Amino acid sequence: MQFETGQFDYVIVGAGSAGAVLAARLTEDAATRVLLLEAGGKGDDWLLRMPLGFLKALFKPGYTWPYMSEPEPHLNQRRLFLPRGRLLGGSSSINGMFYMRGHSSDFDRWAQKGASGWSHADVLPYFLKMERHWAGDDGKHGAQGPLAVTRNATRHLLHDQLMEAAQAAGLPITEDIHVYEEGVARGELTIDERGRRASTFAAYLKPAMARPNLTVLTGAQVSRVMLEGKRAIGVAFTHEGEAKQALVGCEVILSGGSYNSPQLLMLSGIGPAEHLRQHGIAVAHDLPGVGQNLSEHPRVPVEFAANGAVTFVNQLRFDRAARHVIEWKLFGTGAFAAQVNSANPILRTDPRLAQPDIQLWCNPVKVGAHLWFPGIKAPPKHEMTSDVILLHPESRGHVELRSADPADKVKIHLNIFSAAADFATARAGIRIARRLYGTEPMAGLVASETLPGPDVTSDEALDEHIRQYAQVTQHPVGTCAIGQGPLAVVDPQLRVHGIAGLRVIDASVMPDVPGGNTNAPTIMIGEKAADMLRGRSLPRFEDHT
């Protein structure tokens, strides 16, 4: 079947962290008709709803686009695993649920780069609007929004010991990373009051799907934006084996994320002209920035062998794990209703820096640890991690087409650690992680450093460790950046330069990656953009404290 011309005011491509928000907010107006197209499935099962299920869901092919990077030139030509959510809620349905807005300076820097209207004072009201925050409505947090934000339940996670060690090591301590924007804090998570994952599917889209003015199709693979001259008039897609089209009355919105949105623009003839011609694609509009400016948070592993059976591995014994699942199912509590994060250090490697430049990923177990049972399956090793995450990397990569076939995955060139400054930041972060885990009471829980290893101390040796082991945090942004310069793709209203009736609304529009996990800023973008489309805006935040 074909949809009738004008049957929908908006077609949204991608039901992820931003797209689900847009669909829910736009259809609050009963007169606004929205078609939401998602290439993946519904994915509404217990493994996704149970918070600790992310350790398995992130690697389950049915839930993800199993992207791999191209060989990374500064990481010994290694290819990195880059899963993205392929289901309702997108990556918010499979991620680690960390809630971080980012530093206030991040957004002020966006505005300075040409993203007018996206300063901290402009975006904070939308963070407050979306939050149902554990701290309540105190002027710095929201309490009435759809997105639950809770503090991590830290029993079994060595949280108290880590906080004591941080204080003894002279690191700053905070109860609220969003107010003080620096320090070692308890992690905050998008988990609701029932102990269920608060994805954008659960928090926004699912309650809206009963509305008659919202149509949601899963398994719908969009192949191109349909253009009439320099105007977007609809999309072509396949669904249930049939080629279909949907023409819009107002606008087409791309919310596929930092890999899929630039791909769809290029497949539609919008992008770097020479690259499009190389793949036999007719150039509708030469837009050189499409796919450029890719930014990611690199992650460098630092690991320790535990001094005894003191880690979260104890909770993965099969009988205990079964009990945790039952407790979560019945009461929404217990070890599997949380994240395996000891604490969330956001720190400066140099006190002269204007804002923190690293995050430590402190966990009392390694990702990938398996269930075990005495006499049947041996337990994983008792280990702890304190991986170093670069919050403001200078390196930039790009995304390009592999072919003109929509089914072909794009080529992803992260190009991380192409900037020498990123190596220096990572080295400094490794030394801070060692200091933290070498201070009591954490020092007494550590038997030895296993990665990089205690003998890896020189800059040259640490750099080789980085090249051999660095990964990313699955926070890609920037490939359809806001701005007015030669590589800008969208204007501050998120309209694609040179094409009417077409916007990109997702993490790809961020001019650079903010200093924290990117799910919350992406949801904020969806909230703010929904108001733009409805011709309204929340007043800028004025701090009178």
Protein backbone atom coordinates (compact mmCIF):
# COMPACT_ATOMS: atom_id res chain seq x y z
CA MET A 1 0.00 0.00 0.00
CA GLN A 2 0.98 3.63 -0.47
CA PHE A 3 0.13 6.30 2.05
CA GLU A 4 -2.01 9.11 0.72
CA THR A 5 -0.47 12.47 -0.10
CA GLY A 6 -0.67 14.71 2.94
CA GLN A 7 -1.80 11.89 5.19
CA PHE A 8 0.93 12.92 7.64
CA ASP A 9 2.23 16.31 8.65
CA TYR A 10 5.59 14.86 9.67
CA VAL A 11 7.49 11.71 8.85
CA ILE A 12 10.18 10.90 11.44
CA VAL A 13 12.88 8.44 10.40
CA GLY A 14 14.25 6.66 13.46
CA ALA A 15 12.58 5.97 16.82
CA GLY A 16 15.66 6.45 19.00
CA SER A 17 16.57 8.81 21.80
CA ALA A 18 15.40 11.86 19.85
CA GLY A 19 12.89 10.40 17.40
CA ALA A 20 10.73 8.80 20.08
CA VAL A 21 10.63 12.09 21.98
CA LEU A 22 9.61 14.00 18.86
CA ALA A 23 6.81 11.60 18.00
CA ALA A 24 5.40 11.79 21.51
CA ARG A 25 5.65 15.56 21.87
CA LEU A 26 4.36 16.47 18.40
CA THR A 27 1.29 14.25 18.75
CA GLU A 28 0.29 15.96 21.99
CA ASP A 29 -1.45 18.25 19.50
CA ALA A 30 -4.32 16.08 18.27
CA ALA A 31 -4.35 17.92 14.94
CA THR A 32 -0.74 16.95 14.15
CA ARG A 33 -0.37 13.66 12.26
CA VAL A 34 2.94 11.83 12.56
CA LEU A 35 4.38 8.73 10.91
CA LEU A 36 7.32 7.25 12.82
CA LEU A 37 9.46 4.77 10.88
CA GLU A 38 11.87 2.44 12.69
CA ALA A 39 14.07 -0.03 10.84
CA GLY A 40 14.37 -2.30 13.88
CA GLY A 41 11.82 -4.11 15.99
CA LYS A 42 9.76 -3.37 19.07
CA GLY A 43 12.24 -4.91 21.47
CA ASP A 44 9.97 -4.60 24.48
CA ASP A 45 11.14 -7.61 26.48
CA TRP A 46 12.42 -8.31 29.97
CA LEU A 47 16.12 -8.25 29.05
CA LEU A 48 15.72 -4.64 27.98
CA ARG A 49 13.50 -3.60 30.86
CA MET A 50 15.80 -5.10 33.51
CA PRO A 51 18.64 -2.59 34.01
CA LEU A 52 21.48 -5.09 34.29
CA GLY A 53 20.25 -6.76 31.11
CA PHE A 54 22.18 -4.15 29.13
CA LEU A 55 25.34 -6.23 29.62
CA LYS A 56 23.75 -8.80 27.29
CA ALA A 57 21.44 -6.61 25.18
CA LEU A 58 24.30 -4.44 23.94
CA PHE A 59 25.80 -7.46 22.19
CA LYS A 60 22.61 -9.13 20.96
CA PRO A 61 22.33 -8.84 17.16
CA GLY A 62 18.54 -8.57 17.14
CA TYR A 63 18.73 -5.30 19.06
CA THR A 64 21.60 -3.56 17.30
CA TRP A 65 23.15 -2.30 14.13
CA PRO A 66 26.43 -4.26 14.43
CA TYR A 67 28.70 -1.55 13.07
CA MET A 68 32.46 -1.87 12.97
CA SER A 69 34.89 0.96 12.38
CA GLU A 70 37.28 0.93 9.49
CA PRO A 71 40.87 0.07 10.51
CA GLU A 72 41.95 2.81 12.88
CA PRO A 73 45.28 4.32 11.74
CA HIS A 74 46.31 5.45 15.23
CA LEU A 75 45.24 2.22 16.98
CA ASN A 76 47.45 -0.29 15.19
CA GLN A 77 44.87 -0.64 12.40
CA ARG A 78 42.35 -2.27 14.74
CA ARG A 79 38.65 -2.23 13.92
CA LEU A 80 36.35 -1.22 16.79
CA PHE A 81 32.92 -2.66 17.61
CA LEU A 82 30.27 0.09 17.39
CA PRO A 83 26.79 -1.27 18.22
CA ARG A 84 23.85 1.13 17.89
CA GLY A 85 20.28 0.48 18.97
CA ARG A 86 18.01 -0.94 16.27
CA LEU A 87 14.62 -0.96 17.98
CA LEU A 88 12.06 1.38 19.47
CA GLY A 89 13.95 3.69 21.80
CA GLY A 90 17.15 3.21 19.79
CA SER A 91 20.31 3.17 21.84
CA SER A 92 18.39 4.37 24.91
CA SER A 93 16.93 0.85 24.99
CA ILE A 94 20.30 -0.92 25.15
CA ASN A 95 22.74 1.57 26.68
CA GLY A 96 24.24 1.68 30.18
CA MET A 97 21.53 4.16 31.30
CA PHE A 98 23.97 6.76 32.60
CA TYR A 99 22.36 10.17 32.92
CA MET A 100 24.65 13.15 32.42
CA ARG A 101 23.69 16.50 30.95
CA GLY A 102 27.26 17.57 30.26
CA HIS A 103 29.11 20.64 31.51
CA SER A 104 27.46 24.05 31.14
CA SER A 105 30.47 25.26 29.13
CA ASP A 106 29.84 22.55 26.54
CA PHE A 107 26.63 24.21 25.39
CA ASP A 108 28.03 27.72 25.59
CA ARG A 109 30.78 26.50 23.27
CA TRP A 110 28.12 25.19 20.86
CA ALA A 111 26.62 28.68 20.74
CA GLN A 112 30.04 30.21 20.14
CA LYS A 113 30.49 27.85 17.18
CA GLY A 114 27.36 29.16 15.50
CA ALA A 115 24.61 27.16 17.23
CA SER A 116 22.74 30.23 18.40
CA GLY A 117 19.95 29.39 20.81
CA TRP A 118 21.80 26.33 22.14
CA SER A 119 23.75 27.89 25.02
CA HIS A 120 23.44 26.44 28.51
CA ALA A 121 20.82 29.02 29.45
CA ASP A 122 18.81 27.96 26.39
CA VAL A 123 19.01 24.19 26.86
CA LEU A 124 18.77 23.86 30.66
CA PRO A 125 14.99 24.51 30.69
CA TYR A 126 14.58 21.48 28.42
CA PHE A 127 16.67 19.26 30.66
CA LEU A 128 14.43 20.34 33.54
CA LYS A 129 11.31 19.71 31.45
CA MET A 130 12.26 16.15 30.65
CA GLU A 131 13.50 15.11 34.11
CA ARG A 132 11.78 13.36 36.96
CA HIS A 133 14.90 13.69 39.06
CA TRP A 134 15.71 12.11 42.41
CA ALA A 135 16.68 15.54 43.81
CA GLY A 136 13.22 16.97 43.19
CA ASP A 137 12.23 20.37 41.91
CA ASP A 138 14.90 22.59 43.43
CA GLY A 139 15.46 24.99 40.55
CA LYS A 140 18.40 22.99 39.21
CA HIS A 141 16.50 19.75 38.49
CA GLY A 142 13.12 18.82 37.10
CA ALA A 143 10.55 16.73 38.96
CA GLN A 144 7.56 16.50 36.63
CA GLY A 145 9.07 15.17 33.40
CA PRO A 146 8.59 11.76 31.79
CA LEU A 147 12.22 10.64 32.21
CA ALA A 148 12.99 9.14 35.61
CA VAL A 149 16.52 9.79 36.91
CA THR A 150 17.56 7.83 40.00
CA ARG A 151 20.78 7.35 41.92
CA ASN A 152 22.52 4.05 41.44
CA ALA A 153 21.89 1.45 44.14
CA THR A 154 25.47 0.79 45.18
CA ARG A 155 25.28 -2.25 47.45
CA HIS A 156 27.77 -4.91 46.24
CA LEU A 157 29.61 -2.27 44.15
CA LEU A 158 32.47 -1.11 46.46
CA HIS A 159 31.04 2.39 46.32
CA ASP A 160 31.83 3.45 49.87
CA GLN A 161 35.41 2.24 49.61
CA LEU A 162 35.93 4.10 46.35
CA MET A 163 34.49 7.35 47.73
CA GLU A 164 36.75 7.08 50.80
CA ALA A 165 39.78 6.49 48.60
CA ALA A 166 38.89 9.44 46.36
CA GLN A 167 38.66 11.75 49.33
CA ALA A 168 41.93 10.44 50.77
CA ALA A 169 43.59 10.89 47.38
CA GLY A 170 42.60 14.56 47.36
CA LEU A 171 40.03 14.27 44.58
CA PRO A 172 36.91 16.46 44.76
CA ILE A 173 33.71 14.81 46.04
CA THR A 174 30.18 15.84 45.13
CA GLU A 175 26.64 14.66 45.77
CA ASP A 176 25.34 16.17 42.52
CA ILE A 177 27.46 16.25 39.39
CA HIS A 178 24.92 18.43 37.59
CA VAL A 179 25.17 21.27 40.07
CA TYR A 180 28.91 21.20 40.81
CA GLU A 181 29.95 19.79 37.41
CA GLU A 182 33.11 18.18 38.78
CA GLY A 183 34.07 15.53 41.29
CA VAL A 184 33.49 11.92 42.27
CA ALA A 185 29.79 11.20 42.61
CA ARG A 186 27.36 8.33 42.71
CA GLY A 187 26.18 7.51 39.21
CA GLU A 188 22.75 8.69 38.07
CA LEU A 189 20.68 6.43 35.85
CA THR A 190 17.57 6.46 33.68
CA ILE A 191 15.79 3.84 35.76
CA ASP A 192 12.24 4.45 36.91
CA GLU A 193 10.66 4.05 40.31
CA ARG A 194 9.68 0.45 39.50
CA GLY A 195 13.28 -0.52 38.76
CA ARG A 196 12.69 -0.58 34.99
CA ARG A 197 14.88 0.99 32.30
CA ALA A 198 13.56 4.44 31.39
CA SER A 199 14.30 4.41 27.66
CA THR A 200 12.65 6.97 25.40
CA PHE A 201 10.41 4.14 24.24
CA ALA A 202 9.20 3.48 27.80
CA ALA A 203 9.14 7.10 28.98
CA TYR A 204 7.80 8.86 25.88
CA LEU A 205 6.73 6.69 22.98
CA LYS A 206 4.85 3.79 24.53
CA PRO A 207 2.34 6.05 26.35
CA ALA A 208 1.79 7.98 23.10
CA MET A 209 1.24 5.01 20.79
CA ALA A 210 -2.48 4.79 21.56
CA ARG A 211 -3.05 8.22 19.98
CA PRO A 212 -4.93 8.05 16.66
CA ASN A 213 -2.69 10.75 15.17
CA LEU A 214 0.50 8.68 15.63
CA THR A 215 1.38 5.79 13.32
CA VAL A 216 4.43 3.71 14.23
CA LEU A 217 5.90 1.18 11.80
CA THR A 218 8.73 -1.13 12.83
CA GLY A 219 10.80 -3.04 10.31
CA ALA A 220 10.57 -0.02 8.01
CA GLN A 221 13.86 0.61 6.16
CA VAL A 222 14.00 4.06 4.58
CA SER A 223 16.03 4.20 1.36
CA ARG A 224 15.88 7.90 0.51
CA VAL A 225 14.29 11.24 1.13
CA MET A 226 12.10 12.15 -1.82
CA LEU A 227 12.85 15.58 -3.22
CA GLU A 228 11.04 17.95 -5.53
CA GLY A 229 13.72 20.38 -6.55
CA LYS A 230 15.18 21.70 -3.32
CA ARG A 231 12.28 20.59 -1.12
CA ALA A 232 11.74 17.32 0.76
CA ILE A 233 8.29 15.95 0.02
CA GLY A 234 8.42 12.50 1.64
CA VAL A 235 10.38 9.29 2.01
CA ALA A 236 10.68 5.99 0.17
CA PHE A 237 10.96 2.86 2.30
CA THR A 238 10.38 -0.86 2.40
CA HIS A 239 8.04 -2.49 4.90
CA GLU A 240 6.99 -6.13 5.08
CA GLY A 241 8.72 -6.77 1.78
CA GLU A 242 6.88 -3.99 -0.08
CA ALA A 243 8.25 -0.74 -1.50
CA LYS A 244 6.27 2.15 -0.06
CA GLN A 245 6.22 5.92 0.00
CA ALA A 246 4.94 8.50 2.44
CA LEU A 247 4.45 12.12 1.36
CA VAL A 248 4.36 14.82 4.01
CA GLY A 249 2.30 17.91 4.49
CA CYS A 250 4.99 19.72 6.50
CA GLU A 251 8.44 18.19 6.97
CA VAL A 252 10.63 15.11 6.90
CA ILE A 253 12.73 14.64 10.04
CA LEU A 254 15.82 12.42 10.16
CA SER A 255 16.51 10.97 13.61
CA GLY A 256 18.66 8.00 12.67
CA GLY A 257 21.73 8.99 14.65
CA SER A 258 25.28 9.95 13.76
CA TYR A 259 25.82 7.04 11.36
CA ASN A 260 22.40 6.58 9.76
CA SER A 261 21.28 10.20 9.31
CA PRO A 262 24.28 11.25 7.16
CA GLN A 263 23.95 8.01 5.21
CA LEU A 264 20.34 8.78 4.35
CA LEU A 265 21.19 12.35 3.35
CA MET A 266 23.90 11.09 1.01
CA LEU A 267 21.67 8.36 -0.46
CA SER A 268 19.20 11.17 -1.20
CA GLY A 269 21.79 13.22 -3.09
CA ILE A 270 22.58 15.61 -0.25
CA GLY A 271 26.24 15.66 0.73
CA PRO A 272 29.78 16.05 -0.65
CA ALA A 273 29.20 16.22 -4.41
CA GLU A 274 32.31 14.35 -5.52
CA HIS A 275 31.72 11.51 -3.05
CA LEU A 276 28.12 11.14 -4.24
CA ARG A 277 29.21 11.03 -7.89
CA GLN A 278 31.74 8.32 -7.09
CA HIS A 279 28.80 6.13 -6.09
CA GLY A 280 26.61 7.07 -9.04
CA ILE A 281 24.24 9.21 -6.95
CA ALA A 282 22.76 12.29 -8.63
CA VAL A 283 23.70 15.41 -6.65
CA ALA A 284 20.61 17.22 -5.43
CA HIS A 285 22.56 19.58 -3.18
CA ASP A 286 26.31 19.82 -2.56
CA LEU A 287 26.70 19.90 1.23
CA PRO A 288 30.34 19.09 2.09
CA GLY A 289 29.84 18.70 5.85
CA VAL A 290 27.53 15.69 5.68
CA GLY A 291 29.35 12.85 7.44
CA GLN A 292 32.26 15.03 8.57
CA ASN A 293 33.16 16.21 12.10
CA LEU A 294 32.58 12.79 13.71
CA SER A 295 33.49 12.95 17.41
CA GLU A 296 33.53 10.15 19.98
CA HIS A 297 34.65 9.67 23.58
CA PRO A 298 37.68 7.35 23.53
CA ARG A 299 38.03 4.86 26.38
CA VAL A 300 41.37 3.49 27.59
CA PRO A 301 41.17 0.42 29.87
CA VAL A 302 42.81 0.36 33.29
CA GLU A 303 42.23 -2.91 35.14
CA PHE A 304 43.10 -4.41 38.51
CA ALA A 305 43.01 -7.94 39.91
CA ALA A 306 41.08 -7.97 43.17
CA ASN A 307 42.58 -9.11 46.43
CA GLY A 308 40.10 -11.88 47.11
CA ALA A 309 36.48 -12.59 46.23
CA VAL A 310 35.25 -9.04 46.81
CA THR A 311 33.74 -7.99 43.46
CA PHE A 312 30.32 -8.16 41.82
CA VAL A 313 31.26 -11.59 40.49
CA ASN A 314 29.78 -12.90 43.76
CA GLN A 315 26.33 -11.77 42.61
CA LEU A 316 26.70 -13.62 39.30
CA ARG A 317 26.62 -17.05 40.92
CA PHE A 318 23.69 -18.71 39.20
CA ASP A 319 21.46 -19.20 42.24
CA ARG A 320 22.06 -15.64 43.44
CA ALA A 321 21.50 -14.27 39.93
CA ALA A 322 18.17 -16.12 39.71
CA ARG A 323 17.14 -14.60 43.03
CA HIS A 324 18.14 -11.12 41.81
CA VAL A 325 16.02 -11.54 38.67
CA ILE A 326 13.01 -12.61 40.72
CA GLU A 327 13.48 -9.70 43.13
CA TRP A 328 13.68 -7.29 40.22
CA LYS A 329 10.59 -8.78 38.58
CA LEU A 330 8.47 -8.70 41.73
CA PHE A 331 9.71 -5.59 43.50
CA GLY A 332 11.93 -3.61 41.11
CA THR A 333 14.82 -3.80 43.55
CA GLY A 334 18.03 -5.72 44.06
CA ALA A 335 21.38 -6.08 42.38
CA PHE A 336 19.94 -6.45 38.86
CA ALA A 337 17.77 -3.32 39.17
CA ALA A 338 20.88 -1.13 39.02
CA GLN A 339 24.12 -0.59 37.12
CA VAL A 340 27.49 -2.17 37.95
CA ASN A 341 29.14 1.20 38.58
CA SER A 342 31.05 1.98 41.74
CA ALA A 343 31.04 5.76 41.23
CA ASN A 344 31.34 8.39 38.52
CA PRO A 345 34.52 10.50 38.74
CA ILE A 346 34.49 13.60 36.51
CA LEU A 347 37.91 15.19 36.88
CA ARG A 348 40.51 17.60 35.52
CA THR A 349 43.91 16.16 34.68
CA ASP A 350 45.35 19.66 35.13
CA PRO A 351 43.97 22.15 37.67
CA ARG A 352 44.54 24.97 35.16
CA LEU A 353 41.86 23.55 32.87
CA ALA A 354 38.57 25.41 32.75
CA GLN A 355 36.51 22.22 33.06
CA PRO A 356 36.93 18.47 33.61
CA ASP A 357 38.55 16.58 30.74
CA ILE A 358 38.24 12.94 31.88
CA GLN A 359 35.70 10.53 33.30
CA LEU A 360 36.68 7.28 35.00
CA TRP A 361 34.55 4.22 34.34
CA CYS A 362 34.82 2.57 37.75
CA ASN A 363 33.26 -0.90 37.89
CA PRO A 364 33.72 -3.79 40.35
CA VAL A 365 33.48 -6.32 37.51
CA LYS A 366 34.44 -6.48 33.84
CA VAL A 367 31.82 -6.12 31.13
CA GLY A 368 31.22 -9.56 29.70
CA ALA A 369 31.49 -11.39 33.03
CA HIS A 370 29.34 -14.53 32.91
CA LEU A 371 27.11 -16.47 35.27
CA TRP A 372 28.78 -19.31 37.14
CA PHE A 373 28.10 -22.07 39.63
CA PRO A 374 30.49 -24.05 41.85
CA GLY A 375 31.44 -27.39 40.37
CA ILE A 376 29.70 -26.68 37.07
CA LYS A 377 31.17 -23.49 35.64
CA ALA A 378 34.12 -21.59 37.06
CA PRO A 379 33.57 -17.97 38.08
CA PRO A 380 35.07 -15.08 36.11
CA LYS A 381 38.16 -13.52 37.62
CA HIS A 382 37.56 -11.01 40.38
CA GLU A 383 38.64 -7.79 38.67
CA MET A 384 37.94 -4.07 38.81
CA THR A 385 38.11 -1.45 36.07
CA SER A 386 38.83 2.25 36.08
CA ASP A 387 38.85 3.01 32.37
CA VAL A 388 39.83 6.53 31.32
CA ILE A 389 37.30 8.33 29.10
CA LEU A 390 38.35 11.49 27.26
CA LEU A 391 35.51 13.99 27.59
CA HIS A 392 36.77 16.53 25.04
CA PRO A 393 38.88 14.76 22.43
CA GLU A 394 40.43 16.88 19.71
CA SER A 395 40.47 14.06 17.13
CA ARG A 396 37.79 14.04 14.45
CA GLY A 397 36.65 11.36 12.02
CA HIS A 398 34.09 10.98 9.28
CA VAL A 399 31.39 8.72 7.82
CA GLU A 400 31.13 7.88 4.12
CA LEU A 401 29.05 5.65 1.90
CA ARG A 402 30.21 2.15 1.11
CA SER A 403 27.90 2.06 -1.89
CA ALA A 404 24.59 3.44 -3.14
CA ASP A 405 22.79 0.41 -1.71
CA PRO A 406 20.79 1.45 1.42
CA ALA A 407 21.43 -2.00 2.90
CA ASP A 408 25.20 -1.46 2.90
CA LYS A 409 26.53 -0.12 6.18
CA VAL A 410 28.48 3.11 6.02
CA LYS A 411 32.24 3.26 6.40
CA ILE A 412 33.05 4.73 9.81
CA HIS A 413 36.45 6.35 10.23
CA LEU A 414 36.65 7.36 13.88
CA ASN A 415 40.26 8.52 13.57
CA ILE A 416 40.56 8.62 17.35
CA PHE A 417 43.91 9.55 18.85
CA SER A 418 44.90 11.35 15.66
CA ALA A 419 45.61 14.37 17.88
CA ALA A 420 48.72 14.19 20.07
CA ALA A 421 46.88 16.08 22.81
CA ASP A 422 44.49 13.15 23.22
CA PHE A 423 47.38 10.81 24.02
CA ALA A 424 48.59 13.27 26.67
CA THR A 425 45.14 13.47 28.26
CA ALA A 426 44.78 9.68 28.32
CA ARG A 427 48.21 9.25 29.93
CA ALA A 428 47.35 11.76 32.64
CA GLY A 429 44.03 9.98 33.22
CA ILE A 430 45.74 6.60 33.62
CA ARG A 431 47.97 8.08 36.30
CA ILE A 432 44.96 9.48 38.17
CA ALA A 433 43.21 6.09 38.01
CA ARG A 434 46.31 4.45 39.45
CA ARG A 435 46.42 7.03 42.21
CA LEU A 436 42.77 6.42 43.09
CA TYR A 437 43.05 2.63 43.22
CA GLY A 438 46.39 2.87 44.99
CA THR A 439 44.86 4.79 47.92
CA GLU A 440 43.26 3.09 50.91
CA PRO A 441 40.80 1.54 51.32
CA MET A 442 40.83 0.65 47.59
CA ALA A 443 44.53 -0.21 47.76
CA GLY A 444 43.75 -3.04 50.17
CA LEU A 445 41.25 -4.50 47.69
CA VAL A 446 43.74 -4.49 44.81
CA ALA A 447 46.12 -7.40 44.38
CA SER A 448 47.83 -6.03 41.27
CA GLU A 449 47.37 -3.82 38.25
CA THR A 450 46.79 -6.08 35.25
CA LEU A 451 46.35 -3.47 32.51
CA PRO A 452 48.43 -1.58 31.48
CA GLY A 453 50.55 -3.22 34.22
CA PRO A 454 52.74 -1.67 36.91
CA ASP A 455 55.84 -1.64 34.69
CA VAL A 456 54.14 0.43 31.98
CA THR A 457 55.09 3.89 33.18
CA SER A 458 56.86 5.85 30.45
CA ASP A 459 54.96 8.04 28.01
CA GLU A 460 56.06 5.80 25.15
CA ALA A 461 54.88 2.61 26.87
CA LEU A 462 51.54 4.16 27.84
CA ASP A 463 51.02 5.36 24.28
CA GLU A 464 51.56 1.83 23.01
CA HIS A 465 49.00 0.58 25.55
CA ILE A 466 46.54 3.15 24.19
CA ARG A 467 47.17 2.07 20.60
CA GLN A 468 46.70 -1.58 21.52
CA TYR A 469 43.66 -1.41 23.79
CA ALA A 470 41.67 1.84 23.38
CA GLN A 471 37.99 1.54 22.56
CA VAL A 472 35.10 4.02 22.46
CA THR A 473 32.07 4.62 24.67
CA GLN A 474 29.42 4.47 21.89
CA HIS A 475 28.82 8.24 21.97
CA PRO A 476 29.12 9.28 18.28
CA VAL A 477 28.06 12.85 17.46
CA GLY A 478 28.66 15.65 15.01
CA THR A 479 28.17 14.25 11.49
CA CYS A 480 25.33 16.71 10.66
CA ALA A 481 26.57 19.59 12.79
CA ILE A 482 24.71 22.78 13.61
CA GLY A 483 26.36 25.94 12.31
CA GLN A 484 26.86 28.40 9.49
CA GLY A 485 30.37 27.52 8.28
CA PRO A 486 31.45 25.48 5.26
CA LEU A 487 31.08 22.13 7.10
CA ALA A 488 27.79 22.93 8.82
CA VAL A 489 24.85 20.73 7.81
CA VAL A 490 21.90 22.21 9.71
CA ASP A 491 21.08 25.70 10.92
CA PRO A 492 20.23 26.45 14.57
CA GLN A 493 16.62 25.46 13.83
CA LEU A 494 18.01 22.06 12.69
CA ARG A 495 16.91 22.68 9.09
CA VAL A 496 19.21 21.16 6.48
CA HIS A 497 21.06 23.93 4.66
CA GLY A 498 19.75 24.36 1.13
CA ILE A 499 16.82 21.95 1.40
CA ALA A 500 13.36 23.05 2.50
CA GLY A 501 11.10 20.78 4.53
CA LEU A 502 13.95 18.66 5.92
CA ARG A 503 15.50 18.62 9.38
CA VAL A 504 17.96 16.43 11.24
CA ILE A 505 17.13 16.01 14.92
CA ASP A 506 19.47 13.65 16.78
CA ALA A 507 22.99 13.47 18.22
CA SER A 508 24.54 14.07 14.80
CA VAL A 509 23.71 17.79 15.04
CA MET A 510 25.94 18.37 18.08
CA PRO A 511 28.87 20.58 17.00
CA ASP A 512 31.13 18.56 19.31
CA VAL A 513 30.72 15.87 21.93
CA PRO A 514 29.66 17.13 25.37
CA GLY A 515 31.55 16.19 28.53
CA GLY A 516 29.45 13.24 29.60
CA ASN A 517 27.26 10.42 28.35
CA THR A 518 25.30 11.61 25.33
CA ASN A 519 21.84 10.09 25.83
CA ALA A 520 20.51 12.94 27.98
CA PRO A 521 21.67 15.72 25.60
CA THR A 522 20.11 13.83 22.69
CA ILE A 523 16.77 13.63 24.51
CA MET A 524 17.09 17.34 25.27
CA ILE A 525 17.58 18.01 21.55
CA GLY A 526 14.36 16.11 20.85
CA GLU A 527 12.47 18.14 23.45
CA LYS A 528 13.78 21.49 22.23
CA ALA A 529 13.24 20.63 18.58
CA ALA A 530 9.64 19.58 19.24
CA ASP A 531 8.98 23.05 20.58
CA MET A 532 10.67 24.59 17.55
CA LEU A 533 8.36 22.65 15.26
CA ARG A 534 5.38 23.79 17.29
CA GLY A 535 6.48 27.43 17.11
CA ARG A 536 7.31 27.94 20.74
CA SER A 537 10.24 27.99 23.15
CA LEU A 538 10.79 27.82 26.88
CA PRO A 539 12.26 30.97 28.48
CA ARG A 540 16.01 30.97 28.95
CA PHE A 541 17.24 29.90 32.37
CA GLU A 542 18.11 32.74 34.69
CA ASP A 543 20.16 31.76 37.73
CA HIS A 544 19.20 34.01 40.62
CA THR A 545 21.11 32.07 43.30
